[in-house]
């Protein structure tokens, strides 16, 4: 099971999402940072090099919960065995729970 997003996942972010994630992780107290969260140094179109967290499943759940938005977890028991996660901003259905949460996190980061 995939536990963390990857550097490639981080490179999918647009400028607004990058700024929101960076601000949340590094500037907004009180964030309970997982000391085991790995980081990826990413260069973006803006020319900046940023160390961004490769969020874990727990990091993303905590982030989404801090927004006080309803969050529903459902393990889809269809033959495809995909995870289904839903919140105020939409839903995601993926083979990996981490990818489901990342899709929702990206939507929230864009608001």
PDB file of N, CA and C in Angstrom:
ATOM      1  N   UNK A   1       0.845  -1.182   0.000  1.00  0.00           N
ATOM      2  CA  UNK A   1       0.000   0.000   0.000  1.00  0.00           C
ATOM      3  C   UNK A   1       0.887   1.241   0.000  1.00  0.00           C
ATOM      4  N   UNK A   2       0.573   2.163  -0.865  1.00  0.00           N
ATOM      5  CA  UNK A   2       1.304   3.427  -0.963  1.00  0.00           C
ATOM      6  C   UNK A   2       1.017   4.263   0.289  1.00  0.00           C
ATOM      7  N   UNK A   3       2.069   4.694   0.985  1.00  0.00           N
ATOM      8  CA  UNK A   3       1.917   5.421   2.246  1.00  0.00           C
ATOM      9  C   UNK A   3       2.059   6.934   2.103  1.00  0.00           C
ATOM     10  N   UNK A   4       2.854   7.386   1.123  1.00  0.00           N
ATOM     11  CA  UNK A   4       3.130   8.815   0.939  1.00  0.00           C
ATOM     12  C   UNK A   4       2.942   9.192  -0.522  1.00  0.00           C
ATOM     13  N   UNK A   5       2.637  10.474  -0.740  1.00  0.00           N
ATOM     14  CA  UNK A   5       2.656  10.958  -2.108  1.00  0.00           C
ATOM     15  C   UNK A   5       4.114  10.994  -2.569  1.00  0.00           C
ATOM     16  N   UNK A   6       4.325  11.133  -3.858  1.00  0.00           N
ATOM     17  CA  UNK A   6       5.671  11.113  -4.414  1.00  0.00           C
ATOM     18  C   UNK A   6       6.066  12.511  -4.906  1.00  0.00           C
ATOM     19  N   UNK A   7       7.326  12.642  -5.267  1.00  0.00           N
ATOM     20  CA  UNK A   7       7.776  13.908  -5.851  1.00  0.00           C
ATOM     21  C   UNK A   7       6.991  14.189  -7.129  1.00  0.00           C
ATOM     22  N   UNK A   8       6.734  13.164  -7.902  1.00  0.00           N
ATOM     23  CA  UNK A   8       5.948  13.333  -9.136  1.00  0.00           C
ATOM     24  C   UNK A   8       4.555  13.879  -8.814  1.00  0.00           C
ATOM     25  N   UNK A   9       3.953  13.409  -7.727  1.00  0.00           N
ATOM     26  CA  UNK A   9       2.653  13.940  -7.299  1.00  0.00           C
ATOM     27  C   UNK A   9       2.755  15.430  -6.990  1.00  0.00           C
ATOM     28  N   UNK A  10       3.810  15.816  -6.281  1.00  0.00           N
ATOM     29  CA  UNK A  10       4.001  17.226  -5.930  1.00  0.00           C
ATOM     30  C   UNK A  10       4.159  18.099  -7.170  1.00  0.00           C
ATOM     31  N   UNK A  11       4.768  17.558  -8.204  1.00  0.00           N
ATOM     32  CA  UNK A  11       4.993  18.335  -9.423  1.00  0.00           C
ATOM     33  C   UNK A  11       3.696  18.589 -10.194  1.00  0.00           C
ATOM     34  N   UNK A  12       2.601  17.949  -9.799  1.00  0.00           N
ATOM     35  CA  UNK A  12       1.293  18.189 -10.426  1.00  0.00           C
ATOM     36  C   UNK A  12       0.659  19.492  -9.932  1.00  0.00           C
ATOM     37  N   UNK A  13       1.161  20.049  -8.834  1.00  0.00           N
ATOM     38  CA  UNK A  13       0.539  21.219  -8.220  1.00  0.00           C
ATOM     39  C   UNK A  13       0.745  22.477  -9.052  1.00  0.00           C
ATOM     40  N   UNK A  14      -0.279  23.336  -9.050  1.00  0.00           N
ATOM     41  CA  UNK A  14      -0.134  24.651  -9.675  1.00  0.00           C
ATOM     42  C   UNK A  14       0.402  25.638  -8.634  1.00  0.00           C
ATOM     43  N   UNK A  15       0.660  26.872  -9.051  1.00  0.00           N
ATOM     44  CA  UNK A  15       1.267  27.851  -8.150  1.00  0.00           C
ATOM     45  C   UNK A  15       0.426  28.105  -6.897  1.00  0.00           C
ATOM     46  N   UNK A  16      -0.876  28.204  -7.048  1.00  0.00           N
ATOM     47  CA  UNK A  16      -1.741  28.459  -5.889  1.00  0.00           C
ATOM     48  C   UNK A  16      -1.676  27.294  -4.906  1.00  0.00           C
ATOM     49  N   UNK A  17      -1.712  26.079  -5.413  1.00  0.00           N
ATOM     50  CA  UNK A  17      -1.652  24.898  -4.554  1.00  0.00           C
ATOM     51  C   UNK A  17      -0.305  24.825  -3.831  1.00  0.00           C
ATOM     52  N   UNK A  18       0.772  25.161  -4.533  1.00  0.00           N
ATOM     53  CA  UNK A  18       2.105  25.152  -3.928  1.00  0.00           C
ATOM     54  C   UNK A  18       2.163  26.132  -2.764  1.00  0.00           C
ATOM     55  N   UNK A  19       1.689  27.344  -3.001  1.00  0.00           N
ATOM     56  CA  UNK A  19       1.726  28.377  -1.955  1.00  0.00           C
ATOM     57  C   UNK A  19       0.886  27.961  -0.745  1.00  0.00           C
ATOM     58  N   UNK A  20      -0.282  27.385  -1.003  1.00  0.00           N
ATOM     59  CA  UNK A  20      -1.154  26.965   0.102  1.00  0.00           C
ATOM     60  C   UNK A  20      -0.511  25.848   0.906  1.00  0.00           C
ATOM     61  N   UNK A  21       0.043  24.849   0.224  1.00  0.00           N
ATOM     62  CA  UNK A  21       0.699  23.739   0.925  1.00  0.00           C
ATOM     63  C   UNK A  21       1.916  24.227   1.703  1.00  0.00           C
ATOM     64  N   UNK A  22       2.735  25.048   1.080  1.00  0.00           N
ATOM     65  CA  UNK A  22       3.938  25.567   1.738  1.00  0.00           C
ATOM     66  C   UNK A  22       3.552  26.364   2.985  1.00  0.00           C
ATOM     67  N   UNK A  23       2.555  27.232   2.840  1.00  0.00           N
ATOM     68  CA  UNK A  23       2.107  28.045   3.965  1.00  0.00           C
ATOM     69  C   UNK A  23       1.555  27.169   5.088  1.00  0.00           C
ATOM     70  N   UNK A  24       0.733  26.185   4.728  1.00  0.00           N
ATOM     71  CA  UNK A  24       0.164  25.291   5.740  1.00  0.00           C
ATOM     72  C   UNK A  24       1.255  24.543   6.489  1.00  0.00           C
ATOM     73  N   UNK A  25       2.209  23.982   5.760  1.00  0.00           N
ATOM     74  CA  UNK A  25       3.204  23.105   6.376  1.00  0.00           C
ATOM     75  C   UNK A  25       4.262  23.873   7.148  1.00  0.00           C
ATOM     76  N   UNK A  26       4.721  25.001   6.609  1.00  0.00           N
ATOM     77  CA  UNK A  26       5.858  25.698   7.210  1.00  0.00           C
ATOM     78  C   UNK A  26       5.494  26.938   8.015  1.00  0.00           C
ATOM     79  N   UNK A  27       4.359  27.575   7.724  1.00  0.00           N
ATOM     80  CA  UNK A  27       4.088  28.885   8.316  1.00  0.00           C
ATOM     81  C   UNK A  27       2.894  28.928   9.254  1.00  0.00           C
ATOM     82  N   UNK A  28       1.958  28.007   9.150  1.00  0.00           N
ATOM     83  CA  UNK A  28       0.730  28.087   9.930  1.00  0.00           C
ATOM     84  C   UNK A  28       0.806  27.207  11.166  1.00  0.00           C
ATOM     85  N   UNK A  29       0.976  27.802  12.342  1.00  0.00           N
ATOM     86  CA  UNK A  29       0.937  26.980  13.542  1.00  0.00           C
ATOM     87  C   UNK A  29      -0.513  26.724  13.927  1.00  0.00           C
ATOM     88  N   UNK A  30      -0.850  25.759  14.689  1.00  0.00           N
ATOM     89  CA  UNK A  30       0.041  24.686  15.100  1.00  0.00           C
ATOM     90  C   UNK A  30      -0.176  23.447  14.216  1.00  0.00           C
ATOM     91  N   UNK A  31       0.749  23.175  13.359  1.00  0.00           N
ATOM     92  CA  UNK A  31       0.705  21.972  12.531  1.00  0.00           C
ATOM     93  C   UNK A  31       1.519  20.904  13.238  1.00  0.00           C
ATOM     94  N   UNK A  32       0.895  19.773  13.492  1.00  0.00           N
ATOM     95  CA  UNK A  32       1.624  18.658  14.090  1.00  0.00           C
ATOM     96  C   UNK A  32       2.363  17.958  12.961  1.00  0.00           C
ATOM     97  N   UNK A  33       3.605  18.299  12.785  1.00  0.00           N
ATOM     98  CA  UNK A  33       4.385  17.702  11.709  1.00  0.00           C
ATOM     99  C   UNK A  33       4.864  16.319  12.133  1.00  0.00           C
ATOM    100  N   UNK A  34       4.650  15.389  11.259  1.00  0.00           N
ATOM    101  CA  UNK A  34       5.150  14.043  11.485  1.00  0.00           C
ATOM    102  C   UNK A  34       6.664  14.078  11.261  1.00  0.00           C
ATOM    103  N   UNK A  35       7.469  13.752  12.271  1.00  0.00           N
ATOM    104  CA  UNK A  35       8.921  13.819  12.101  1.00  0.00           C
ATOM    105  C   UNK A  35       9.455  12.845  11.056  1.00  0.00           C
ATOM    106  N   UNK A  36       8.639  11.871  10.668  1.00  0.00           N
ATOM    107  CA  UNK A  36       9.075  10.892   9.670  1.00  0.00           C
ATOM    108  C   UNK A  36       8.647  11.249   8.251  1.00  0.00           C
ATOM    109  N   UNK A  37       7.991  12.389   8.080  1.00  0.00           N
ATOM    110  CA  UNK A  37       7.548  12.783   6.743  1.00  0.00           C
ATOM    111  C   UNK A  37       8.755  13.137   5.889  1.00  0.00           C
ATOM    112  N   UNK A  38       8.914  12.471   4.739  1.00  0.00           N
ATOM    113  CA  UNK A  38      10.021  12.811   3.844  1.00  0.00           C
ATOM    114  C   UNK A  38       9.697  14.085   3.063  1.00  0.00           C
ATOM    115  N   UNK A  39      10.731  14.717   2.540  1.00  0.00           N
ATOM    116  CA  UNK A  39      10.577  15.946   1.769  1.00  0.00           C
ATOM    117  C   UNK A  39      11.159  15.750   0.384  1.00  0.00           C
ATOM    118  N   UNK A  40      10.658  16.535  -0.545  1.00  0.00           N
ATOM    119  CA  UNK A  40      11.186  16.524  -1.907  1.00  0.00           C
ATOM    120  C   UNK A  40      11.509  17.955  -2.289  1.00  0.00           C
ATOM    121  N   UNK A  41      12.688  18.171  -2.811  1.00  0.00           N
ATOM    122  CA  UNK A  41      13.061  19.488  -3.317  1.00  0.00           C
ATOM    123  C   UNK A  41      12.552  19.571  -4.746  1.00  0.00           C
ATOM    124  N   UNK A  42      11.651  20.509  -4.972  1.00  0.00           N
ATOM    125  CA  UNK A  42      10.993  20.630  -6.263  1.00  0.00           C
ATOM    126  C   UNK A  42      11.267  22.001  -6.864  1.00  0.00           C
ATOM    127  N   UNK A  43      11.552  22.005  -8.135  1.00  0.00           N
ATOM    128  CA  UNK A  43      11.712  23.262  -8.867  1.00  0.00           C
ATOM    129  C   UNK A  43      10.462  23.454  -9.712  1.00  0.00           C
ATOM    130  N   UNK A  44       9.898  24.643  -9.619  1.00  0.00           N
ATOM    131  CA  UNK A  44       8.667  24.927 -10.334  1.00  0.00           C
ATOM    132  C   UNK A  44       8.917  25.971 -11.410  1.00  0.00           C
ATOM    133  N   UNK A  45       7.900  26.202 -12.225  1.00  0.00           N
ATOM    134  CA  UNK A  45       7.997  27.160 -13.325  1.00  0.00           C
ATOM    135  C   UNK A  45       8.405  28.543 -12.841  1.00  0.00           C
ATOM    136  N   UNK A  46       8.090  28.839 -11.610  1.00  0.00           N
ATOM    137  CA  UNK A  46       8.430  30.139 -11.048  1.00  0.00           C
ATOM    138  C   UNK A  46       9.937  30.271 -10.812  1.00  0.00           C
ATOM    139  N   UNK A  47      10.677  29.172 -10.940  1.00  0.00           N
ATOM    140  CA  UNK A  47      12.116  29.194 -10.730  1.00  0.00           C
ATOM    141  C   UNK A  47      12.520  28.949  -9.293  1.00  0.00           C
ATOM    142  N   UNK A  48      11.551  28.755  -8.418  1.00  0.00           N
ATOM    143  CA  UNK A  48      11.843  28.532  -7.010  1.00  0.00           C
ATOM    144  C   UNK A  48      12.136  27.063  -6.746  1.00  0.00           C
ATOM    145  N   UNK A  49      13.061  26.826  -5.816  1.00  0.00           N
ATOM    146  CA  UNK A  49      13.291  25.491  -5.273  1.00  0.00           C
ATOM    147  C   UNK A  49      12.633  25.462  -3.908  1.00  0.00           C
ATOM    148  N   UNK A  50      11.722  24.540  -3.713  1.00  0.00           N
ATOM    149  CA  UNK A  50      11.016  24.440  -2.441  1.00  0.00           C
ATOM    150  C   UNK A  50      11.112  23.022  -1.906  1.00  0.00           C
ATOM    151  N   UNK A  51      11.272  22.913  -0.591  1.00  0.00           N
ATOM    152  CA  UNK A  51      11.193  21.613   0.072  1.00  0.00           C
ATOM    153  C   UNK A  51       9.752  21.425   0.511  1.00  0.00           C
ATOM    154  N   UNK A  52       9.066  20.525  -0.164  1.00  0.00           N
ATOM    155  CA  UNK A  52       7.668  20.270   0.141  1.00  0.00           C
ATOM    156  C   UNK A  52       7.521  18.873   0.746  1.00  0.00           C
ATOM    157  N   UNK A  53       6.573  18.727   1.670  1.00  0.00           N
ATOM    158  CA  UNK A  53       6.384  17.426   2.314  1.00  0.00           C
ATOM    159  C   UNK A  53       5.736  16.423   1.365  1.00  0.00           C
ATOM    160  N   UNK A  54       6.269  15.218   1.368  1.00  0.00           N
ATOM    161  CA  UNK A  54       5.620  14.121   0.647  1.00  0.00           C
ATOM    162  C   UNK A  54       4.621  13.536   1.642  1.00  0.00           C
ATOM    163  N   UNK A  55       3.448  14.157   1.679  1.00  0.00           N
ATOM    164  CA  UNK A  55       2.441  13.878   2.699  1.00  0.00           C
ATOM    165  C   UNK A  55       2.085  12.400   2.782  1.00  0.00           C
ATOM    166  N   UNK A  56       1.893  11.958   4.002  1.00  0.00           N
ATOM    167  CA  UNK A  56       1.440  10.585   4.240  1.00  0.00           C
ATOM    168  C   UNK A  56      -0.090  10.563   4.271  1.00  0.00           C
ATOM    169  N   UNK A  57      -0.644   9.380   4.327  1.00  0.00           N
ATOM    170  CA  UNK A  57      -2.092   9.237   4.461  1.00  0.00           C
ATOM    171  C   UNK A  57      -2.566  10.000   5.703  1.00  0.00           C
ATOM    172  N   UNK A  58      -1.862   9.829   6.815  1.00  0.00           N
ATOM    173  CA  UNK A  58      -2.225  10.515   8.058  1.00  0.00           C
ATOM    174  C   UNK A  58      -2.108  12.024   7.955  1.00  0.00           C
ATOM    175  N   UNK A  59      -1.041  12.518   7.276  1.00  0.00           N
ATOM    176  CA  UNK A  59      -0.872  13.965   7.092  1.00  0.00           C
ATOM    177  C   UNK A  59      -2.054  14.556   6.332  1.00  0.00           C
ATOM    178  N   UNK A  60      -2.495  13.858   5.281  1.00  0.00           N
ATOM    179  CA  UNK A  60      -3.597  14.378   4.464  1.00  0.00           C
ATOM    180  C   UNK A  60      -4.918  14.327   5.220  1.00  0.00           C
ATOM    181  N   UNK A  61      -5.151  13.257   5.989  1.00  0.00           N
ATOM    182  CA  UNK A  61      -6.366  13.187   6.792  1.00  0.00           C
ATOM    183  C   UNK A  61      -6.378  14.328   7.802  1.00  0.00           C
ATOM    184  N   UNK A  62      -5.258  14.562   8.462  1.00  0.00           N
ATOM    185  CA  UNK A  62      -5.173  15.640   9.446  1.00  0.00           C
ATOM    186  C   UNK A  62      -5.435  16.993   8.789  1.00  0.00           C
ATOM    187  N   UNK A  63      -4.842  17.221   7.624  1.00  0.00           N
ATOM    188  CA  UNK A  63      -5.046  18.491   6.915  1.00  0.00           C
ATOM    189  C   UNK A  63      -6.526  18.677   6.577  1.00  0.00           C
ATOM    190  N   UNK A  64      -7.148  17.657   6.011  1.00  0.00           N
ATOM    191  CA  UNK A  64      -8.553  17.757   5.633  1.00  0.00           C
ATOM    192  C   UNK A  64      -9.454  17.922   6.855  1.00  0.00           C
ATOM    193  N   UNK A  65      -9.114  17.278   7.969  1.00  0.00           N
ATOM    194  CA  UNK A  65      -9.911  17.408   9.189  1.00  0.00           C
ATOM    195  C   UNK A  65      -9.785  18.800   9.799  1.00  0.00           C
ATOM    196  N   UNK A  66      -8.634  19.429   9.681  1.00  0.00           N
ATOM    197  CA  UNK A  66      -8.443  20.762  10.252  1.00  0.00           C
ATOM    198  C   UNK A  66      -9.324  21.803   9.573  1.00  0.00           C
ATOM    199  N   UNK A  67      -9.808  21.488   8.389  1.00  0.00           N
ATOM    200  CA  UNK A  67     -10.675  22.416   7.660  1.00  0.00           C
ATOM    201  C   UNK A  67     -12.127  22.311   8.115  1.00  0.00           C
ATOM    202  N   UNK A  68     -12.385  21.386   9.043  1.00  0.00           N
ATOM    203  CA  UNK A  68     -13.731  21.168   9.584  1.00  0.00           C
ATOM    204  C   UNK A  68     -14.752  20.873   8.487  1.00  0.00           C
ATOM    205  N   UNK A  69     -14.328  20.123   7.497  1.00  0.00           N
ATOM    206  CA  UNK A  69     -15.225  19.711   6.426  1.00  0.00           C
ATOM    207  C   UNK A  69     -15.624  18.257   6.647  1.00  0.00           C
ATOM    208  N   UNK A  70     -16.865  17.915   6.335  1.00  0.00           N
ATOM    209  CA  UNK A  70     -17.254  16.508   6.450  1.00  0.00           C
ATOM    210  C   UNK A  70     -16.377  15.641   5.544  1.00  0.00           C
ATOM    211  N   UNK A  71     -15.899  14.541   6.049  1.00  0.00           N
ATOM    212  CA  UNK A  71     -15.038  13.633   5.292  1.00  0.00           C
ATOM    213  C   UNK A  71     -15.562  12.227   5.508  1.00  0.00           C
ATOM    214  N   UNK A  72     -15.801  11.534   4.420  1.00  0.00           N
ATOM    215  CA  UNK A  72     -16.382  10.200   4.489  1.00  0.00           C
ATOM    216  C   UNK A  72     -15.417   9.214   3.818  1.00  0.00           C
ATOM    217  N   UNK A  73     -15.121   8.124   4.504  1.00  0.00           N
ATOM    218  CA  UNK A  73     -14.267   7.083   3.945  1.00  0.00           C
ATOM    219  C   UNK A  73     -15.113   5.845   3.676  1.00  0.00           C
ATOM    220  N   UNK A  74     -14.993   5.317   2.483  1.00  0.00           N
ATOM    221  CA  UNK A  74     -15.719   4.112   2.120  1.00  0.00           C
ATOM    222  C   UNK A  74     -14.782   3.214   1.337  1.00  0.00           C
ATOM    223  N   UNK A  75     -14.648   1.990   1.759  1.00  0.00           N
ATOM    224  CA  UNK A  75     -13.927   0.999   0.959  1.00  0.00           C
ATOM    225  C   UNK A  75     -14.942   0.399   0.014  1.00  0.00           C
ATOM    226  N   UNK A  76     -14.766   0.685  -1.253  1.00  0.00           N
ATOM    227  CA  UNK A  76     -15.689   0.182  -2.269  1.00  0.00           C
ATOM    228  C   UNK A  76     -15.509  -1.318  -2.390  1.00  0.00           C
ATOM    229  N   UNK A  77     -16.539  -2.057  -2.128  1.00  0.00           N
ATOM    230  CA  UNK A  77     -16.449  -3.510  -2.142  1.00  0.00           C
ATOM    231  C   UNK A  77     -16.802  -4.118  -3.500  1.00  0.00           C
ATOM    232  N   UNK A  78     -16.841  -3.277  -4.524  1.00  0.00           N
ATOM    233  CA  UNK A  78     -17.072  -3.788  -5.874  1.00  0.00           C
ATOM    234  C   UNK A  78     -15.874  -4.634  -6.287  1.00  0.00           C
ATOM    235  N   UNK A  79     -16.022  -5.409  -7.334  1.00  0.00           N
ATOM    236  CA  UNK A  79     -14.897  -6.247  -7.779  1.00  0.00           C
ATOM    237  C   UNK A  79     -13.616  -5.466  -8.074  1.00  0.00           C
ATOM    238  N   UNK A  80     -13.752  -4.170  -8.389  1.00  0.00           N
ATOM    239  CA  UNK A  80     -12.536  -3.402  -8.675  1.00  0.00           C
ATOM    240  C   UNK A  80     -11.754  -3.060  -7.408  1.00  0.00           C
ATOM    241  N   UNK A  81     -12.356  -3.210  -6.218  1.00  0.00           N
ATOM    242  CA  UNK A  81     -11.655  -3.027  -4.948  1.00  0.00           C
ATOM    243  C   UNK A  81     -11.073  -1.643  -4.734  1.00  0.00           C
ATOM    244  N   UNK A  82     -11.661  -0.615  -5.332  1.00  0.00           N
ATOM    245  CA  UNK A  82     -11.122   0.740  -5.205  1.00  0.00           C
ATOM    246  C   UNK A  82     -11.610   1.428  -3.933  1.00  0.00           C
ATOM    247  N   UNK A  83     -10.781   2.379  -3.469  1.00  0.00           N
ATOM    248  CA  UNK A  83     -11.142   3.232  -2.343  1.00  0.00           C
ATOM    249  C   UNK A  83     -11.986   4.381  -2.868  1.00  0.00           C
ATOM    250  N   UNK A  84     -12.941   4.798  -2.062  1.00  0.00           N
ATOM    251  CA  UNK A  84     -13.792   5.936  -2.395  1.00  0.00           C
ATOM    252  C   UNK A  84     -13.752   6.882  -1.207  1.00  0.00           C
ATOM    253  N   UNK A  85     -13.362   8.144  -1.454  1.00  0.00           N
ATOM    254  CA  UNK A  85     -13.305   9.143  -0.388  1.00  0.00           C
ATOM    255  C   UNK A  85     -14.055  10.369  -0.879  1.00  0.00           C
ATOM    256  N   UNK A  86     -14.838  10.951   0.019  1.00  0.00           N
ATOM    257  CA  UNK A  86     -15.675  12.086  -0.357  1.00  0.00           C
ATOM    258  C   UNK A  86     -15.581  13.164   0.711  1.00  0.00           C
ATOM    259  N   UNK A  87     -15.565  14.433   0.285  1.00  0.00           N
ATOM    260  CA  UNK A  87     -15.702  15.554   1.206  1.00  0.00           C
ATOM    261  C   UNK A  87     -16.459  16.677   0.510  1.00  0.00           C
ATOM    262  N   UNK A  88     -16.505  17.827   1.137  1.00  0.00           N
ATOM    263  CA  UNK A  88     -17.264  18.975   0.648  1.00  0.00           C
ATOM    264  C   UNK A  88     -16.876  19.365  -0.777  1.00  0.00           C
ATOM    265  N   UNK A  89     -15.619  19.195  -1.140  1.00  0.00           N
ATOM    266  CA  UNK A  89     -15.120  19.633  -2.447  1.00  0.00           C
ATOM    267  C   UNK A  89     -15.241  18.586  -3.549  1.00  0.00           C
ATOM    268  N   UNK A  90     -15.663  17.398  -3.220  1.00  0.00           N
ATOM    269  CA  UNK A  90     -15.810  16.387  -4.260  1.00  0.00           C
ATOM    270  C   UNK A  90     -15.509  14.997  -3.744  1.00  0.00           C
ATOM    271  N   UNK A  91     -15.177  14.115  -4.673  1.00  0.00           N
ATOM    272  CA  UNK A  91     -14.882  12.736  -4.312  1.00  0.00           C
ATOM    273  C   UNK A  91     -13.745  12.232  -5.188  1.00  0.00           C
ATOM    274  N   UNK A  92     -13.190  11.114  -4.774  1.00  0.00           N
ATOM    275  CA  UNK A  92     -12.147  10.460  -5.553  1.00  0.00           C
ATOM    276  C   UNK A  92     -12.294   8.958  -5.384  1.00  0.00           C
ATOM    277  N   UNK A  93     -12.034   8.242  -6.443  1.00  0.00           N
ATOM    278  CA  UNK A  93     -12.052   6.787  -6.414  1.00  0.00           C
ATOM    279  C   UNK A  93     -10.765   6.310  -7.074  1.00  0.00           C
ATOM    280  N   UNK A  94      -9.924   5.644  -6.293  1.00  0.00           N
ATOM    281  CA  UNK A  94      -8.609   5.206  -6.764  1.00  0.00           C
ATOM    282  C   UNK A  94      -8.284   3.833  -6.184  1.00  0.00           C
ATOM    283  N   UNK A  95      -7.307   3.186  -6.764  1.00  0.00           N
ATOM    284  CA  UNK A  95      -6.853   1.899  -6.228  1.00  0.00           C
ATOM    285  C   UNK A  95      -6.101   2.068  -4.913  1.00  0.00           C
ATOM    286  N   UNK A  96      -5.439   3.201  -4.735  1.00  0.00           N
ATOM    287  CA  UNK A  96      -4.666   3.473  -3.511  1.00  0.00           C
ATOM    288  C   UNK A  96      -5.371   4.541  -2.684  1.00  0.00           C
ATOM    289  N   UNK A  97      -5.514   4.306  -1.378  1.00  0.00           N
ATOM    290  CA  UNK A  97      -6.098   5.303  -0.487  1.00  0.00           C
ATOM    291  C   UNK A  97      -5.291   6.594  -0.538  1.00  0.00           C
ATOM    292  N   UNK A  98      -3.977   6.487  -0.589  1.00  0.00           N
ATOM    293  CA  UNK A  98      -3.107   7.667  -0.649  1.00  0.00           C
ATOM    294  C   UNK A  98      -3.455   8.532  -1.861  1.00  0.00           C
ATOM    295  N   UNK A  99      -3.681   7.912  -3.008  1.00  0.00           N
ATOM    296  CA  UNK A  99      -4.011   8.659  -4.224  1.00  0.00           C
ATOM    297  C   UNK A  99      -5.394   9.303  -4.127  1.00  0.00           C
ATOM    298  N   UNK A 100      -6.337   8.622  -3.474  1.00  0.00           N
ATOM    299  CA  UNK A 100      -7.671   9.198  -3.234  1.00  0.00           C
ATOM    300  C   UNK A 100      -7.558  10.477  -2.409  1.00  0.00           C
ATOM    301  N   UNK A 101      -6.849  10.378  -1.306  1.00  0.00           N
ATOM    302  CA  UNK A 101      -6.689  11.537  -0.419  1.00  0.00           C
ATOM    303  C   UNK A 101      -5.929  12.655  -1.108  1.00  0.00           C
ATOM    304  N   UNK A 102      -4.942  12.322  -1.936  1.00  0.00           N
ATOM    305  CA  UNK A 102      -4.162  13.333  -2.647  1.00  0.00           C
ATOM    306  C   UNK A 102      -5.056  14.090  -3.633  1.00  0.00           C
ATOM    307  N   UNK A 103      -5.938  13.390  -4.331  1.00  0.00           N
ATOM    308  CA  UNK A 103      -6.847  14.063  -5.269  1.00  0.00           C
ATOM    309  C   UNK A 103      -7.724  15.076  -4.530  1.00  0.00           C
ATOM    310  N   UNK A 104      -8.258  14.705  -3.374  1.00  0.00           N
ATOM    311  CA  UNK A 104      -9.077  15.633  -2.601  1.00  0.00           C
ATOM    312  C   UNK A 104      -8.248  16.769  -2.016  1.00  0.00           C
ATOM    313  N   UNK A 105      -7.040  16.441  -1.554  1.00  0.00           N
ATOM    314  CA  UNK A 105      -6.164  17.469  -0.998  1.00  0.00           C
ATOM    315  C   UNK A 105      -5.829  18.509  -2.054  1.00  0.00           C
ATOM    316  N   UNK A 106      -5.552  18.082  -3.291  1.00  0.00           N
ATOM    317  CA  UNK A 106      -5.260  19.027  -4.371  1.00  0.00           C
ATOM    318  C   UNK A 106      -6.451  19.946  -4.626  1.00  0.00           C
ATOM    319  N   UNK A 107      -7.661  19.395  -4.578  1.00  0.00           N
ATOM    320  CA  UNK A 107      -8.856  20.238  -4.778  1.00  0.00           C
ATOM    321  C   UNK A 107      -8.970  21.290  -3.697  1.00  0.00           C
ATOM    322  N   UNK A 108      -8.728  20.877  -2.450  1.00  0.00           N
ATOM    323  CA  UNK A 108      -8.818  21.812  -1.323  1.00  0.00           C
ATOM    324  C   UNK A 108      -7.717  22.862  -1.401  1.00  0.00           C
ATOM    325  N   UNK A 109      -6.502  22.457  -1.779  1.00  0.00           N
ATOM    326  CA  UNK A 109      -5.394  23.407  -1.898  1.00  0.00           C
ATOM    327  C   UNK A 109      -5.662  24.467  -2.956  1.00  0.00           C
ATOM    328  N   UNK A 110      -6.540  24.166  -3.882  1.00  0.00           N
ATOM    329  CA  UNK A 110      -6.835  25.081  -4.985  1.00  0.00           C
ATOM    330  C   UNK A 110      -7.921  26.103  -4.616  1.00  0.00           C
ATOM    331  N   UNK A 111      -8.550  25.954  -3.457  1.00  0.00           N
ATOM    332  CA  UNK A 111      -9.639  26.860  -3.047  1.00  0.00           C
ATOM    333  C   UNK A 111      -9.115  28.070  -2.343  1.00  0.00           C
TER     334      UNK A 111
END
